[in-house]
Amino acid sequence: MMNWWSVRIDPLPLPQRLIPRPQDHGAEPLPSYQLWLPLIPDGRISLPLFRAEPARAKVVSLDERGERDGCIKLRDHQLFCAWSPGGGHRARELRIIGARFAPGEVIGLRPARGVIGLYRVGERVELP
């Protein structure tokens, strides 16, 4: 059975995984994210279901400034998290790198020409 799921991913606690802030040359921790994805039972993404309802695929960035909504796009057979320009989110598009979105699995989010951030899949809730 395939269905849509809400999946929370949290950054792995690695000190080298910090985002530099240009204004103060300091660093801030990576945010957590909530992803809405169509998954098959073992946690892999169902591309046919994704293609059938692409508007349901979304992402929410959960950082110290609050929540920021975005969408998940399929481009060149790869998934990306994207935010609207001027939407208050300074992150560039992030490529989703991972095979399974099952609790405990590790996935990556990588900006173009940037350093990959590693995340652990946490809570997963089936959507109606």
C-alpha atoms as a PDB file:
ATOM      1  CA  MET A   1       0.000   0.000   0.000  1.00  0.00           C
ATOM      2  CA  MET A   2       1.237   3.459  -0.900  1.00  0.00           C
ATOM      3  CA  ASN A   3       0.170   6.671   0.749  1.00  0.00           C
ATOM      4  CA  TRP A   4       1.329  10.149   1.663  1.00  0.00           C
ATOM      5  CA  TRP A   5       3.324  10.630   4.856  1.00  0.00           C
ATOM      6  CA  SER A   6       4.569  13.503   6.970  1.00  0.00           C
ATOM      7  CA  VAL A   7       8.227  12.802   7.787  1.00  0.00           C
ATOM      8  CA  ARG A   8      10.324  14.807  10.236  1.00  0.00           C
ATOM      9  CA  ILE A   9      14.073  14.913   9.664  1.00  0.00           C
ATOM     10  CA  ASP A  10      16.505  16.318  12.225  1.00  0.00           C
ATOM     11  CA  PRO A  11      20.172  17.207  11.689  1.00  0.00           C
ATOM     12  CA  LEU A  12      22.725  14.758  12.987  1.00  0.00           C
ATOM     13  CA  PRO A  13      24.639  16.308  15.898  1.00  0.00           C
ATOM     14  CA  LEU A  14      27.930  16.790  14.056  1.00  0.00           C
ATOM     15  CA  PRO A  15      29.823  19.984  14.969  1.00  0.00           C
ATOM     16  CA  GLN A  16      31.204  20.408  11.439  1.00  0.00           C
ATOM     17  CA  ARG A  17      27.662  20.627   9.983  1.00  0.00           C
ATOM     18  CA  LEU A  18      27.063  24.339  10.506  1.00  0.00           C
ATOM     19  CA  ILE A  19      25.787  26.986   8.115  1.00  0.00           C
ATOM     20  CA  PRO A  20      27.996  30.096   8.055  1.00  0.00           C
ATOM     21  CA  ARG A  21      26.152  33.385   8.455  1.00  0.00           C
ATOM     22  CA  PRO A  22      27.749  36.064   6.255  1.00  0.00           C
ATOM     23  CA  GLN A  23      26.804  38.956   8.546  1.00  0.00           C
ATOM     24  CA  ASP A  24      28.805  37.732  11.527  1.00  0.00           C
ATOM     25  CA  HIS A  25      31.034  35.010  10.095  1.00  0.00           C
ATOM     26  CA  GLY A  26      29.612  32.747  12.788  1.00  0.00           C
ATOM     27  CA  ALA A  27      27.584  29.624  12.359  1.00  0.00           C
ATOM     28  CA  GLU A  28      24.094  28.442  13.190  1.00  0.00           C
ATOM     29  CA  PRO A  29      22.848  24.879  13.506  1.00  0.00           C
ATOM     30  CA  LEU A  30      21.053  23.252  10.603  1.00  0.00           C
ATOM     31  CA  PRO A  31      17.250  23.426  10.873  1.00  0.00           C
ATOM     32  CA  SER A  32      14.935  20.439  11.106  1.00  0.00           C
ATOM     33  CA  TYR A  33      12.447  19.832   8.297  1.00  0.00           C
ATOM     34  CA  GLN A  34       9.008  18.315   7.886  1.00  0.00           C
ATOM     35  CA  LEU A  35       8.500  16.639   4.493  1.00  0.00           C
ATOM     36  CA  TRP A  36       5.241  15.486   2.890  1.00  0.00           C
ATOM     37  CA  LEU A  37       6.050  12.551   0.590  1.00  0.00           C
ATOM     38  CA  PRO A  38       4.324   9.536  -0.987  1.00  0.00           C
ATOM     39  CA  LEU A  39       6.003   6.416   0.411  1.00  0.00           C
ATOM     40  CA  ILE A  40       5.766   2.686  -0.117  1.00  0.00           C
ATOM     41  CA  PRO A  41       5.864   0.459   3.012  1.00  0.00           C
ATOM     42  CA  ASP A  42       9.679   0.211   3.226  1.00  0.00           C
ATOM     43  CA  GLY A  43      10.058   4.017   3.147  1.00  0.00           C
ATOM     44  CA  ARG A  44      11.052   4.530  -0.481  1.00  0.00           C
ATOM     45  CA  ILE A  45       9.378   7.325  -2.453  1.00  0.00           C
ATOM     46  CA  SER A  46       6.630   6.349  -4.893  1.00  0.00           C
ATOM     47  CA  LEU A  47       7.466   8.326  -8.035  1.00  0.00           C
ATOM     48  CA  PRO A  48       4.195   7.392  -9.792  1.00  0.00           C
ATOM     49  CA  LEU A  49       2.183   8.762  -6.839  1.00  0.00           C
ATOM     50  CA  PHE A  50       4.451  11.818  -6.651  1.00  0.00           C
ATOM     51  CA  ARG A  51       3.895  12.526 -10.359  1.00  0.00           C
ATOM     52  CA  ALA A  52       0.127  12.029  -9.970  1.00  0.00           C
ATOM     53  CA  GLU A  53      -0.162  14.644  -7.185  1.00  0.00           C
ATOM     54  CA  PRO A  54       2.949  16.869  -7.169  1.00  0.00           C
ATOM     55  CA  ALA A  55       1.159  19.723  -5.366  1.00  0.00           C
ATOM     56  CA  ARG A  56       0.857  17.547  -2.219  1.00  0.00           C
ATOM     57  CA  ALA A  57       4.649  17.314  -1.878  1.00  0.00           C
ATOM     58  CA  LYS A  58       5.854  20.043   0.435  1.00  0.00           C
ATOM     59  CA  VAL A  59       8.534  20.943   2.934  1.00  0.00           C
ATOM     60  CA  VAL A  60       8.523  23.041   6.080  1.00  0.00           C
ATOM     61  CA  SER A  61      11.785  24.402   7.477  1.00  0.00           C
ATOM     62  CA  LEU A  62      11.714  24.465  11.283  1.00  0.00           C
ATOM     63  CA  ASP A  63      14.338  26.889  12.575  1.00  0.00           C
ATOM     64  CA  GLU A  64      14.696  29.482  15.331  1.00  0.00           C
ATOM     65  CA  ARG A  65      12.850  32.055  13.191  1.00  0.00           C
ATOM     66  CA  GLY A  66       9.757  29.864  12.921  1.00  0.00           C
ATOM     67  CA  GLU A  67       8.313  27.747  10.150  1.00  0.00           C
ATOM     68  CA  ARG A  68       8.836  28.435   6.444  1.00  0.00           C
ATOM     69  CA  ASP A  69       6.763  26.576   3.845  1.00  0.00           C
ATOM     70  CA  GLY A  70       8.131  25.353   0.550  1.00  0.00           C
ATOM     71  CA  CYS A  71       7.518  22.666  -2.022  1.00  0.00           C
ATOM     72  CA  ILE A  72       9.266  19.532  -3.200  1.00  0.00           C
ATOM     73  CA  LYS A  73      10.045  19.442  -6.908  1.00  0.00           C
ATOM     74  CA  LEU A  74      11.070  16.594  -9.189  1.00  0.00           C
ATOM     75  CA  ARG A  75      13.666  17.697 -11.738  1.00  0.00           C
ATOM     76  CA  ASP A  76      15.936  15.435 -13.807  1.00  0.00           C
ATOM     77  CA  HIS A  77      14.790  12.425 -11.738  1.00  0.00           C
ATOM     78  CA  GLN A  78      15.967  14.121  -8.524  1.00  0.00           C
ATOM     79  CA  LEU A  79      13.948  15.635  -5.680  1.00  0.00           C
ATOM     80  CA  PHE A  80      14.591  19.168  -4.421  1.00  0.00           C
ATOM     81  CA  CYS A  81      13.224  21.265  -1.566  1.00  0.00           C
ATOM     82  CA  ALA A  82      12.453  24.764  -2.844  1.00  0.00           C
ATOM     83  CA  TRP A  83      11.164  28.023  -1.366  1.00  0.00           C
ATOM     84  CA  SER A  84       9.598  31.009  -3.117  1.00  0.00           C
ATOM     85  CA  PRO A  85      11.870  34.026  -3.574  1.00  0.00           C
ATOM     86  CA  GLY A  86      11.204  36.613  -0.905  1.00  0.00           C
ATOM     87  CA  GLY A  87       9.409  34.070   1.252  1.00  0.00           C
ATOM     88  CA  GLY A  88      11.704  34.816   4.169  1.00  0.00           C
ATOM     89  CA  HIS A  89      13.762  31.652   3.739  1.00  0.00           C
ATOM     90  CA  ARG A  90      17.363  32.301   2.832  1.00  0.00           C
ATOM     91  CA  ALA A  91      18.234  28.712   1.927  1.00  0.00           C
ATOM     92  CA  ARG A  92      18.818  27.820  -1.682  1.00  0.00           C
ATOM     93  CA  GLU A  93      17.194  24.791  -3.206  1.00  0.00           C
ATOM     94  CA  LEU A  94      18.277  21.640  -1.415  1.00  0.00           C
ATOM     95  CA  ARG A  95      18.710  18.333  -3.229  1.00  0.00           C
ATOM     96  CA  ILE A  96      17.266  15.400  -1.274  1.00  0.00           C
ATOM     97  CA  ILE A  97      19.744  12.518  -1.161  1.00  0.00           C
ATOM     98  CA  GLY A  98      18.371   9.345   0.352  1.00  0.00           C
ATOM     99  CA  ALA A  99      16.877   6.013  -0.528  1.00  0.00           C
ATOM    100  CA  ARG A 100      14.486   5.395   2.352  1.00  0.00           C
ATOM    101  CA  PHE A 101      12.462   7.614   4.658  1.00  0.00           C
ATOM    102  CA  ALA A 102      12.017   5.061   7.430  1.00  0.00           C
ATOM    103  CA  PRO A 103      12.617   6.036  11.080  1.00  0.00           C
ATOM    104  CA  GLY A 104      16.324   5.928  11.930  1.00  0.00           C
ATOM    105  CA  GLU A 105      17.556   6.164   8.320  1.00  0.00           C
ATOM    106  CA  VAL A 106      20.094   8.868   7.424  1.00  0.00           C
ATOM    107  CA  ILE A 107      19.496  11.137   4.426  1.00  0.00           C
ATOM    108  CA  GLY A 108      21.258  14.201   3.068  1.00  0.00           C
ATOM    109  CA  LEU A 109      20.205  17.654   1.952  1.00  0.00           C
ATOM    110  CA  ARG A 110      22.686  19.384  -0.331  1.00  0.00           C
ATOM    111  CA  PRO A 111      22.564  22.927  -1.711  1.00  0.00           C
ATOM    112  CA  ALA A 112      24.022  23.502  -5.183  1.00  0.00           C
ATOM    113  CA  ARG A 113      27.808  23.812  -4.841  1.00  0.00           C
ATOM    114  CA  GLY A 114      27.432  23.455  -1.091  1.00  0.00           C
ATOM    115  CA  VAL A 115      28.210  21.051   1.713  1.00  0.00           C
ATOM    116  CA  ILE A 116      25.757  18.246   2.375  1.00  0.00           C
ATOM    117  CA  GLY A 117      23.837  18.310   5.653  1.00  0.00           C
ATOM    118  CA  LEU A 118      23.128  14.909   7.215  1.00  0.00           C
ATOM    119  CA  TYR A 119      19.733  14.203   8.773  1.00  0.00           C
ATOM    120  CA  ARG A 120      18.122  11.323  10.637  1.00  0.00           C
ATOM    121  CA  VAL A 121      14.553  10.377   9.796  1.00  0.00           C
ATOM    122  CA  GLY A 122      12.429  10.687  12.913  1.00  0.00           C
ATOM    123  CA  GLU A 123       8.702  10.607  13.329  1.00  0.00           C
ATOM    124  CA  ARG A 124       6.657   9.477  10.333  1.00  0.00           C
ATOM    125  CA  VAL A 125       2.874   9.953  10.301  1.00  0.00           C
ATOM    126  CA  GLU A 126       0.486   8.759   7.593  1.00  0.00           C
ATOM    127  CA  LEU A 127      -1.578  11.599   6.085  1.00  0.00           C
ATOM    128  CA  PRO A 128      -5.303  11.279   5.357  1.00  0.00           C
END
